[in-house]
């Protein structure tokens, strides 16, 4: 499942909604290192600038796919956490925000 959208404006709007969903989901989340509660999103949502996670489907080691990541950093100690955008985007598209 790809999160690519042909319309860049729609992609930015979808990513904004993913960010809102993640912020809602992370209420009460504490940094695993310093127990801080404030985080900042790191990645730019534009294709080519956003971090990606490479994964394999099936048994073919050549059939690689990439899924964008949403990265946040603790504003106190700098620990970085990453979340796959794909399941968050699916929830946004389904109206589950």
PDB file of N, CA and C in Angstrom:
ATOM      1  N   UNK A   1       0.847  -1.169   0.000  1.00  0.00           N
ATOM      2  CA  UNK A   1       0.000   0.000   0.000  1.00  0.00           C
ATOM      3  C   UNK A   1       0.892   1.231   0.000  1.00  0.00           C
ATOM      4  N   UNK A   2       0.709   2.091  -0.945  1.00  0.00           N
ATOM      5  CA  UNK A   2       1.520   3.292  -1.067  1.00  0.00           C
ATOM      6  C   UNK A   2       0.763   4.484  -0.509  1.00  0.00           C
ATOM      7  N   UNK A   3       1.521   5.429   0.008  1.00  0.00           N
ATOM      8  CA  UNK A   3       0.904   6.655   0.500  1.00  0.00           C
ATOM      9  C   UNK A   3       1.105   7.797  -0.482  1.00  0.00           C
ATOM     10  N   UNK A   4       1.647   7.483  -1.662  1.00  0.00           N
ATOM     11  CA  UNK A   4       1.891   8.518  -2.649  1.00  0.00           C
ATOM     12  C   UNK A   4       0.576   9.094  -3.165  1.00  0.00           C
ATOM     13  N   UNK A   5       0.527  10.392  -3.313  1.00  0.00           N
ATOM     14  CA  UNK A   5      -0.629  11.096  -3.834  1.00  0.00           C
ATOM     15  C   UNK A   5      -0.121  11.961  -4.972  1.00  0.00           C
ATOM     16  N   UNK A   6      -0.833  11.935  -6.115  1.00  0.00           N
ATOM     17  CA  UNK A   6      -0.364  12.683  -7.278  1.00  0.00           C
ATOM     18  C   UNK A   6      -0.465  14.191  -7.071  1.00  0.00           C
ATOM     19  N   UNK A   7      -1.419  14.665  -6.301  1.00  0.00           N
ATOM     20  CA  UNK A   7      -1.609  16.086  -6.059  1.00  0.00           C
ATOM     21  C   UNK A   7      -0.784  16.504  -4.831  1.00  0.00           C
ATOM     22  N   UNK A   8       0.260  17.328  -5.024  1.00  0.00           N
ATOM     23  CA  UNK A   8       1.107  17.719  -3.887  1.00  0.00           C
ATOM     24  C   UNK A   8       0.333  18.439  -2.785  1.00  0.00           C
ATOM     25  N   UNK A   9      -0.653  19.236  -3.156  1.00  0.00           N
ATOM     26  CA  UNK A   9      -1.445  19.954  -2.150  1.00  0.00           C
ATOM     27  C   UNK A   9      -2.252  18.964  -1.310  1.00  0.00           C
ATOM     28  N   UNK A  10      -2.813  17.947  -1.956  1.00  0.00           N
ATOM     29  CA  UNK A  10      -3.557  16.918  -1.225  1.00  0.00           C
ATOM     30  C   UNK A  10      -2.622  16.129  -0.316  1.00  0.00           C
ATOM     31  N   UNK A  11      -1.411  15.855  -0.798  1.00  0.00           N
ATOM     32  CA  UNK A  11      -0.419  15.135   0.006  1.00  0.00           C
ATOM     33  C   UNK A  11      -0.104  15.927   1.278  1.00  0.00           C
ATOM     34  N   UNK A  12       0.082  17.233   1.152  1.00  0.00           N
ATOM     35  CA  UNK A  12       0.372  18.056   2.321  1.00  0.00           C
ATOM     36  C   UNK A  12      -0.803  18.086   3.288  1.00  0.00           C
ATOM     37  N   UNK A  13      -2.021  18.159   2.752  1.00  0.00           N
ATOM     38  CA  UNK A  13      -3.208  18.142   3.608  1.00  0.00           C
ATOM     39  C   UNK A  13      -3.340  16.798   4.327  1.00  0.00           C
ATOM     40  N   UNK A  14      -3.124  15.707   3.603  1.00  0.00           N
ATOM     41  CA  UNK A  14      -3.190  14.378   4.227  1.00  0.00           C
ATOM     42  C   UNK A  14      -2.132  14.245   5.309  1.00  0.00           C
ATOM     43  N   UNK A  15      -0.932  14.739   5.023  1.00  0.00           N
ATOM     44  CA  UNK A  15       0.146  14.629   6.009  1.00  0.00           C
ATOM     45  C   UNK A  15      -0.154  15.490   7.237  1.00  0.00           C
ATOM     46  N   UNK A  16      -0.784  16.648   7.033  1.00  0.00           N
ATOM     47  CA  UNK A  16      -1.188  17.482   8.170  1.00  0.00           C
ATOM     48  C   UNK A  16      -2.162  16.710   9.058  1.00  0.00           C
ATOM     49  N   UNK A  17      -3.080  15.994   8.425  1.00  0.00           N
ATOM     50  CA  UNK A  17      -4.056  15.208   9.183  1.00  0.00           C
ATOM     51  C   UNK A  17      -3.372  14.036   9.901  1.00  0.00           C
ATOM     52  N   UNK A  18      -2.358  13.439   9.277  1.00  0.00           N
ATOM     53  CA  UNK A  18      -1.587  12.375   9.931  1.00  0.00           C
ATOM     54  C   UNK A  18      -0.890  12.945  11.161  1.00  0.00           C
ATOM     55  N   UNK A  19      -0.312  14.138  11.031  1.00  0.00           N
ATOM     56  CA  UNK A  19       0.352  14.783  12.172  1.00  0.00           C
ATOM     57  C   UNK A  19      -0.629  15.026  13.310  1.00  0.00           C
ATOM     58  N   UNK A  20      -1.832  15.486  12.978  1.00  0.00           N
ATOM     59  CA  UNK A  20      -2.854  15.713  14.000  1.00  0.00           C
ATOM     60  C   UNK A  20      -3.226  14.405  14.697  1.00  0.00           C
ATOM     61  N   UNK A  21      -3.383  13.345  13.912  1.00  0.00           N
ATOM     62  CA  UNK A  21      -3.718  12.040  14.490  1.00  0.00           C
ATOM     63  C   UNK A  21      -2.608  11.567  15.421  1.00  0.00           C
ATOM     64  N   UNK A  22      -1.366  11.701  14.981  1.00  0.00           N
ATOM     65  CA  UNK A  22      -0.248  11.258  15.808  1.00  0.00           C
ATOM     66  C   UNK A  22      -0.188  12.050  17.111  1.00  0.00           C
ATOM     67  N   UNK A  23      -0.384  13.356  17.042  1.00  0.00           N
ATOM     68  CA  UNK A  23      -0.384  14.177  18.261  1.00  0.00           C
ATOM     69  C   UNK A  23      -1.466  13.720  19.219  1.00  0.00           C
ATOM     70  N   UNK A  24      -2.641  13.405  18.675  1.00  0.00           N
ATOM     71  CA  UNK A  24      -3.750  12.923  19.506  1.00  0.00           C
ATOM     72  C   UNK A  24      -3.394  11.583  20.140  1.00  0.00           C
ATOM     73  N   UNK A  25      -2.814  10.696  19.352  1.00  0.00           N
ATOM     74  CA  UNK A  25      -2.455   9.359  19.840  1.00  0.00           C
ATOM     75  C   UNK A  25      -1.347   9.410  20.899  1.00  0.00           C
ATOM     76  N   UNK A  26      -0.474  10.420  20.800  1.00  0.00           N
ATOM     77  CA  UNK A  26       0.673  10.493  21.697  1.00  0.00           C
ATOM     78  C   UNK A  26       0.395  11.256  22.988  1.00  0.00           C
ATOM     79  N   UNK A  27      -0.838  11.682  23.196  1.00  0.00           N
ATOM     80  CA  UNK A  27      -1.149  12.364  24.449  1.00  0.00           C
ATOM     81  C   UNK A  27      -0.830  11.421  25.598  1.00  0.00           C
ATOM     82  N   UNK A  28      -0.023  11.888  26.513  1.00  0.00           N
ATOM     83  CA  UNK A  28       0.387  11.056  27.644  1.00  0.00           C
ATOM     84  C   UNK A  28       1.636  10.246  27.369  1.00  0.00           C
ATOM     85  N   UNK A  29       2.133  10.264  26.133  1.00  0.00           N
ATOM     86  CA  UNK A  29       3.357   9.538  25.782  1.00  0.00           C
ATOM     87  C   UNK A  29       4.544  10.232  26.427  1.00  0.00           C
ATOM     88  N   UNK A  30       5.437   9.447  26.985  1.00  0.00           N
ATOM     89  CA  UNK A  30       6.635   9.992  27.622  1.00  0.00           C
ATOM     90  C   UNK A  30       7.870   9.444  26.924  1.00  0.00           C
ATOM     91  N   UNK A  31       8.880  10.276  26.836  1.00  0.00           N
ATOM     92  CA  UNK A  31      10.151   9.856  26.265  1.00  0.00           C
ATOM     93  C   UNK A  31      10.681   8.664  27.056  1.00  0.00           C
ATOM     94  N   UNK A  32      11.188   7.686  26.364  1.00  0.00           N
ATOM     95  CA  UNK A  32      11.701   6.485  27.016  1.00  0.00           C
ATOM     96  C   UNK A  32      13.022   6.729  27.746  1.00  0.00           C
ATOM     97  N   UNK A  33      13.689   7.842  27.459  1.00  0.00           N
ATOM     98  CA  UNK A  33      14.969   8.145  28.097  1.00  0.00           C
ATOM     99  C   UNK A  33      14.792   9.085  29.287  1.00  0.00           C
ATOM    100  N   UNK A  34      14.223  10.274  29.027  1.00  0.00           N
ATOM    101  CA  UNK A  34      14.168  11.294  30.078  1.00  0.00           C
ATOM    102  C   UNK A  34      12.769  11.484  30.670  1.00  0.00           C
ATOM    103  N   UNK A  35      11.789  10.781  30.129  1.00  0.00           N
ATOM    104  CA  UNK A  35      10.387  10.875  30.573  1.00  0.00           C
ATOM    105  C   UNK A  35       9.745  12.214  30.210  1.00  0.00           C
ATOM    106  N   UNK A  36      10.379  12.962  29.285  1.00  0.00           N
ATOM    107  CA  UNK A  36       9.819  14.223  28.816  1.00  0.00           C
ATOM    108  C   UNK A  36       8.501  13.994  28.080  1.00  0.00           C
ATOM    109  N   UNK A  37       7.718  15.056  27.973  1.00  0.00           N
ATOM    110  CA  UNK A  37       6.402  14.929  27.333  1.00  0.00           C
ATOM    111  C   UNK A  37       6.232  15.826  26.115  1.00  0.00           C
ATOM    112  N   UNK A  38       7.270  16.584  25.749  1.00  0.00           N
ATOM    113  CA  UNK A  38       7.169  17.478  24.603  1.00  0.00           C
ATOM    114  C   UNK A  38       8.005  16.951  23.450  1.00  0.00           C
ATOM    115  N   UNK A  39       7.387  16.921  22.260  1.00  0.00           N
ATOM    116  CA  UNK A  39       8.032  16.382  21.071  1.00  0.00           C
ATOM    117  C   UNK A  39       7.826  17.323  19.900  1.00  0.00           C
ATOM    118  N   UNK A  40       8.720  17.262  18.947  1.00  0.00           N
ATOM    119  CA  UNK A  40       8.615  18.034  17.720  1.00  0.00           C
ATOM    120  C   UNK A  40       8.731  17.058  16.555  1.00  0.00           C
ATOM    121  N   UNK A  41       7.933  17.296  15.517  1.00  0.00           N
ATOM    122  CA  UNK A  41       7.997  16.453  14.326  1.00  0.00           C
ATOM    123  C   UNK A  41       9.196  16.896  13.489  1.00  0.00           C
ATOM    124  N   UNK A  42       9.966  15.935  12.975  1.00  0.00           N
ATOM    125  CA  UNK A  42      11.205  16.251  12.287  1.00  0.00           C
ATOM    126  C   UNK A  42      11.100  16.262  10.774  1.00  0.00           C
ATOM    127  N   UNK A  43      10.359  15.348  10.189  1.00  0.00           N
ATOM    128  CA  UNK A  43      10.397  15.149   8.747  1.00  0.00           C
ATOM    129  C   UNK A  43       9.559  16.144   7.974  1.00  0.00           C
ATOM    130  N   UNK A  44      10.050  16.459   6.794  1.00  0.00           N
ATOM    131  CA  UNK A  44       9.273  17.212   5.826  1.00  0.00           C
ATOM    132  C   UNK A  44       8.417  16.215   5.063  1.00  0.00           C
ATOM    133  N   UNK A  45       7.159  16.523   4.784  1.00  0.00           N
ATOM    134  CA  UNK A  45       6.290  15.552   4.119  1.00  0.00           C
ATOM    135  C   UNK A  45       6.491  15.439   2.609  1.00  0.00           C
ATOM    136  N   UNK A  46       7.313  16.307   2.022  1.00  0.00           N
ATOM    137  CA  UNK A  46       7.493  16.248   0.581  1.00  0.00           C
ATOM    138  C   UNK A  46       8.254  14.979   0.205  1.00  0.00           C
ATOM    139  N   UNK A  47       7.810  14.287  -0.863  1.00  0.00           N
ATOM    140  CA  UNK A  47       8.539  13.099  -1.321  1.00  0.00           C
ATOM    141  C   UNK A  47       9.991  13.461  -1.613  1.00  0.00           C
ATOM    142  N   UNK A  48      10.886  12.589  -1.239  1.00  0.00           N
ATOM    143  CA  UNK A  48      12.305  12.830  -1.444  1.00  0.00           C
ATOM    144  C   UNK A  48      12.983  13.458  -0.244  1.00  0.00           C
ATOM    145  N   UNK A  49      12.226  14.136   0.600  1.00  0.00           N
ATOM    146  CA  UNK A  49      12.786  14.751   1.803  1.00  0.00           C
ATOM    147  C   UNK A  49      12.436  13.963   3.056  1.00  0.00           C
ATOM    148  N   UNK A  50      11.434  13.129   2.946  1.00  0.00           N
ATOM    149  CA  UNK A  50      10.951  12.394   4.104  1.00  0.00           C
ATOM    150  C   UNK A  50      11.707  11.071   4.238  1.00  0.00           C
ATOM    151  N   UNK A  51      12.006  10.694   5.472  1.00  0.00           N
ATOM    152  CA  UNK A  51      12.659   9.410   5.729  1.00  0.00           C
ATOM    153  C   UNK A  51      11.731   8.279   5.311  1.00  0.00           C
ATOM    154  N   UNK A  52      12.339   7.189   4.863  1.00  0.00           N
ATOM    155  CA  UNK A  52      11.574   6.027   4.437  1.00  0.00           C
ATOM    156  C   UNK A  52      12.106   4.788   5.119  1.00  0.00           C
ATOM    157  N   UNK A  53      11.238   3.830   5.302  1.00  0.00           N
ATOM    158  CA  UNK A  53      11.588   2.520   5.841  1.00  0.00           C
ATOM    159  C   UNK A  53      11.470   1.529   4.696  1.00  0.00           C
ATOM    160  N   UNK A  54      12.511   0.769   4.461  1.00  0.00           N
ATOM    161  CA  UNK A  54      12.481  -0.211   3.386  1.00  0.00           C
ATOM    162  C   UNK A  54      12.087  -1.568   3.969  1.00  0.00           C
ATOM    163  N   UNK A  55      11.168  -2.240   3.298  1.00  0.00           N
ATOM    164  CA  UNK A  55      10.749  -3.551   3.758  1.00  0.00           C
ATOM    165  C   UNK A  55      10.563  -4.482   2.575  1.00  0.00           C
ATOM    166  N   UNK A  56      10.498  -5.753   2.846  1.00  0.00           N
ATOM    167  CA  UNK A  56      10.363  -6.778   1.827  1.00  0.00           C
ATOM    168  C   UNK A  56       9.003  -7.446   1.950  1.00  0.00           C
ATOM    169  N   UNK A  57       8.422  -7.771   0.814  1.00  0.00           N
ATOM    170  CA  UNK A  57       7.161  -8.513   0.801  1.00  0.00           C
ATOM    171  C   UNK A  57       7.423  -9.898   0.248  1.00  0.00           C
ATOM    172  N   UNK A  58       6.948 -10.887   0.935  1.00  0.00           N
ATOM    173  CA  UNK A  58       7.135 -12.259   0.476  1.00  0.00           C
ATOM    174  C   UNK A  58       8.567 -12.714   0.657  1.00  0.00           C
ATOM    175  N   UNK A  59       8.962 -13.702  -0.129  1.00  0.00           N
ATOM    176  CA  UNK A  59      10.283 -14.301   0.002  1.00  0.00           C
ATOM    177  C   UNK A  59      11.297 -13.739  -0.981  1.00  0.00           C
ATOM    178  N   UNK A  60      10.907 -12.787  -1.803  1.00  0.00           N
ATOM    179  CA  UNK A  60      11.803 -12.237  -2.814  1.00  0.00           C
ATOM    180  C   UNK A  60      12.619 -11.098  -2.202  1.00  0.00           C
ATOM    181  N   UNK A  61      13.948 -11.297  -2.006  1.00  0.00           N
ATOM    182  CA  UNK A  61      14.763 -10.254  -1.385  1.00  0.00           C
ATOM    183  C   UNK A  61      14.966  -9.036  -2.276  1.00  0.00           C
ATOM    184  N   UNK A  62      14.551  -9.127  -3.533  1.00  0.00           N
ATOM    185  CA  UNK A  62      14.693  -7.994  -4.445  1.00  0.00           C
ATOM    186  C   UNK A  62      13.429  -7.139  -4.458  1.00  0.00           C
ATOM    187  N   UNK A  63      12.294  -7.722  -4.102  1.00  0.00           N
ATOM    188  CA  UNK A  63      11.000  -7.012  -4.146  1.00  0.00           C
ATOM    189  C   UNK A  63      10.868  -6.106  -2.927  1.00  0.00           C
ATOM    190  N   UNK A  64      11.645  -5.032  -2.937  1.00  0.00           N
ATOM    191  CA  UNK A  64      11.630  -4.098  -1.814  1.00  0.00           C
ATOM    192  C   UNK A  64      10.578  -3.016  -2.035  1.00  0.00           C
ATOM    193  N   UNK A  65      10.012  -2.563  -0.964  1.00  0.00           N
ATOM    194  CA  UNK A  65       9.082  -1.447  -0.989  1.00  0.00           C
ATOM    195  C   UNK A  65       9.524  -0.467   0.082  1.00  0.00           C
ATOM    196  N   UNK A  66       9.082   0.746  -0.071  1.00  0.00           N
ATOM    197  CA  UNK A  66       9.403   1.774   0.916  1.00  0.00           C
ATOM    198  C   UNK A  66       8.116   2.383   1.435  1.00  0.00           C
ATOM    199  N   UNK A  67       8.119   2.682   2.706  1.00  0.00           N
ATOM    200  CA  UNK A  67       6.988   3.383   3.298  1.00  0.00           C
ATOM    201  C   UNK A  67       7.533   4.589   4.050  1.00  0.00           C
ATOM    202  N   UNK A  68       6.914   5.737   3.893  1.00  0.00           N
ATOM    203  CA  UNK A  68       7.385   6.931   4.605  1.00  0.00           C
ATOM    204  C   UNK A  68       7.258   6.772   6.116  1.00  0.00           C
ATOM    205  N   UNK A  69       8.139   7.451   6.822  1.00  0.00           N
ATOM    206  CA  UNK A  69       8.132   7.465   8.276  1.00  0.00           C
ATOM    207  C   UNK A  69       7.784   8.851   8.782  1.00  0.00           C
ATOM    208  N   UNK A  70       7.184   8.889   9.949  1.00  0.00           N
ATOM    209  CA  UNK A  70       6.943  10.128  10.657  1.00  0.00           C
ATOM    210  C   UNK A  70       7.876  10.083  11.866  1.00  0.00           C
ATOM    211  N   UNK A  71       8.800  11.021  11.941  1.00  0.00           N
ATOM    212  CA  UNK A  71       9.773  11.036  13.028  1.00  0.00           C
ATOM    213  C   UNK A  71       9.486  12.191  13.975  1.00  0.00           C
ATOM    214  N   UNK A  72       9.584  11.903  15.264  1.00  0.00           N
ATOM    215  CA  UNK A  72       9.448  12.934  16.287  1.00  0.00           C
ATOM    216  C   UNK A  72      10.685  12.876  17.175  1.00  0.00           C
ATOM    217  N   UNK A  73      11.005  13.998  17.789  1.00  0.00           N
ATOM    218  CA  UNK A  73      12.138  14.050  18.711  1.00  0.00           C
ATOM    219  C   UNK A  73      11.689  14.681  20.017  1.00  0.00           C
ATOM    220  N   UNK A  74      12.200  14.154  21.099  1.00  0.00           N
ATOM    221  CA  UNK A  74      11.965  14.730  22.419  1.00  0.00           C
ATOM    222  C   UNK A  74      12.672  16.084  22.462  1.00  0.00           C
ATOM    223  N   UNK A  75      11.967  17.117  22.886  1.00  0.00           N
ATOM    224  CA  UNK A  75      12.563  18.449  22.926  1.00  0.00           C
ATOM    225  C   UNK A  75      13.516  18.613  24.110  1.00  0.00           C
ATOM    226  N   UNK A  76      13.520  17.656  25.032  1.00  0.00           N
ATOM    227  CA  UNK A  76      14.406  17.757  26.196  1.00  0.00           C
ATOM    228  C   UNK A  76      15.736  17.041  25.956  1.00  0.00           C
ATOM    229  N   UNK A  77      15.690  15.760  25.539  1.00  0.00           N
ATOM    230  CA  UNK A  77      16.933  14.990  25.391  1.00  0.00           C
ATOM    231  C   UNK A  77      17.284  14.665  23.940  1.00  0.00           C
ATOM    232  N   UNK A  78      16.344  14.845  23.030  1.00  0.00           N
ATOM    233  CA  UNK A  78      16.629  14.607  21.620  1.00  0.00           C
ATOM    234  C   UNK A  78      16.372  13.199  21.122  1.00  0.00           C
ATOM    235  N   UNK A  79      15.900  12.308  21.979  1.00  0.00           N
ATOM    236  CA  UNK A  79      15.611  10.945  21.515  1.00  0.00           C
ATOM    237  C   UNK A  79      14.626  11.007  20.350  1.00  0.00           C
ATOM    238  N   UNK A  80      14.883  10.198  19.325  1.00  0.00           N
ATOM    239  CA  UNK A  80      14.037  10.177  18.135  1.00  0.00           C
ATOM    240  C   UNK A  80      13.200   8.903  18.132  1.00  0.00           C
ATOM    241  N   UNK A  81      11.929   9.069  17.849  1.00  0.00           N
ATOM    242  CA  UNK A  81      10.996   7.955  17.666  1.00  0.00           C
ATOM    243  C   UNK A  81      10.457   8.055  16.250  1.00  0.00           C
ATOM    244  N   UNK A  82      10.261   6.916  15.595  1.00  0.00           N
ATOM    245  CA  UNK A  82       9.728   6.914  14.240  1.00  0.00           C
ATOM    246  C   UNK A  82       8.491   6.026  14.174  1.00  0.00           C
ATOM    247  N   UNK A  83       7.537   6.462  13.364  1.00  0.00           N
ATOM    248  CA  UNK A  83       6.290   5.739  13.162  1.00  0.00           C
ATOM    249  C   UNK A  83       6.060   5.590  11.669  1.00  0.00           C
ATOM    250  N   UNK A  84       5.621   4.421  11.235  1.00  0.00           N
ATOM    251  CA  UNK A  84       5.293   4.221   9.826  1.00  0.00           C
ATOM    252  C   UNK A  84       4.071   5.056   9.491  1.00  0.00           C
ATOM    253  N   UNK A  85       4.162   5.810   8.412  1.00  0.00           N
ATOM    254  CA  UNK A  85       3.053   6.670   8.009  1.00  0.00           C
ATOM    255  C   UNK A  85       1.872   5.864   7.477  1.00  0.00           C
ATOM    256  N   UNK A  86       2.134   4.736   6.882  1.00  0.00           N
ATOM    257  CA  UNK A  86       1.104   3.960   6.185  1.00  0.00           C
ATOM    258  C   UNK A  86      -0.128   3.651   7.040  1.00  0.00           C
ATOM    259  N   UNK A  87       0.025   3.075   8.232  1.00  0.00           N
ATOM    260  CA  UNK A  87      -1.194   2.797   9.013  1.00  0.00           C
ATOM    261  C   UNK A  87      -1.890   4.062   9.494  1.00  0.00           C
ATOM    262  N   UNK A  88      -1.117   5.108   9.775  1.00  0.00           N
ATOM    263  CA  UNK A  88      -1.730   6.378  10.179  1.00  0.00           C
ATOM    264  C   UNK A  88      -2.506   6.987   9.017  1.00  0.00           C
ATOM    265  N   UNK A  89      -1.922   6.939   7.816  1.00  0.00           N
ATOM    266  CA  UNK A  89      -2.596   7.487   6.626  1.00  0.00           C
ATOM    267  C   UNK A  89      -3.861   6.693   6.322  1.00  0.00           C
ATOM    268  N   UNK A  90      -3.815   5.376   6.503  1.00  0.00           N
ATOM    269  CA  UNK A  90      -5.005   4.557   6.260  1.00  0.00           C
ATOM    270  C   UNK A  90      -6.134   4.972   7.188  1.00  0.00           C
ATOM    271  N   UNK A  91      -5.798   5.266   8.446  1.00  0.00           N
ATOM    272  CA  UNK A  91      -6.822   5.718   9.400  1.00  0.00           C
ATOM    273  C   UNK A  91      -7.363   7.086   9.017  1.00  0.00           C
ATOM    274  N   UNK A  92      -6.498   7.972   8.530  1.00  0.00           N
ATOM    275  CA  UNK A  92      -6.932   9.289   8.073  1.00  0.00           C
ATOM    276  C   UNK A  92      -7.887   9.130   6.900  1.00  0.00           C
ATOM    277  N   UNK A  93      -7.504   8.315   5.931  1.00  0.00           N
ATOM    278  CA  UNK A  93      -8.337   8.112   4.726  1.00  0.00           C
ATOM    279  C   UNK A  93      -9.687   7.486   5.073  1.00  0.00           C
ATOM    280  N   UNK A  94      -9.697   6.652   6.125  1.00  0.00           N
ATOM    281  CA  UNK A  94     -10.947   6.006   6.548  1.00  0.00           C
ATOM    282  C   UNK A  94     -11.785   6.933   7.423  1.00  0.00           C
ATOM    283  N   UNK A  95     -11.260   8.107   7.734  1.00  0.00           N
ATOM    284  CA  UNK A  95     -12.006   9.056   8.547  1.00  0.00           C
ATOM    285  C   UNK A  95     -11.913   8.780  10.035  1.00  0.00           C
ATOM    286  N   UNK A  96     -10.923   8.009  10.456  1.00  0.00           N
ATOM    287  CA  UNK A  96     -10.783   7.639  11.864  1.00  0.00           C
ATOM    288  C   UNK A  96      -9.866   8.599  12.612  1.00  0.00           C
ATOM    289  N   UNK A  97     -10.115   9.899  12.477  1.00  0.00           N
ATOM    290  CA  UNK A  97      -9.295  10.834  13.240  1.00  0.00           C
ATOM    291  C   UNK A  97     -10.196  11.699  14.094  1.00  0.00           C
TER     292      UNK A  97
END
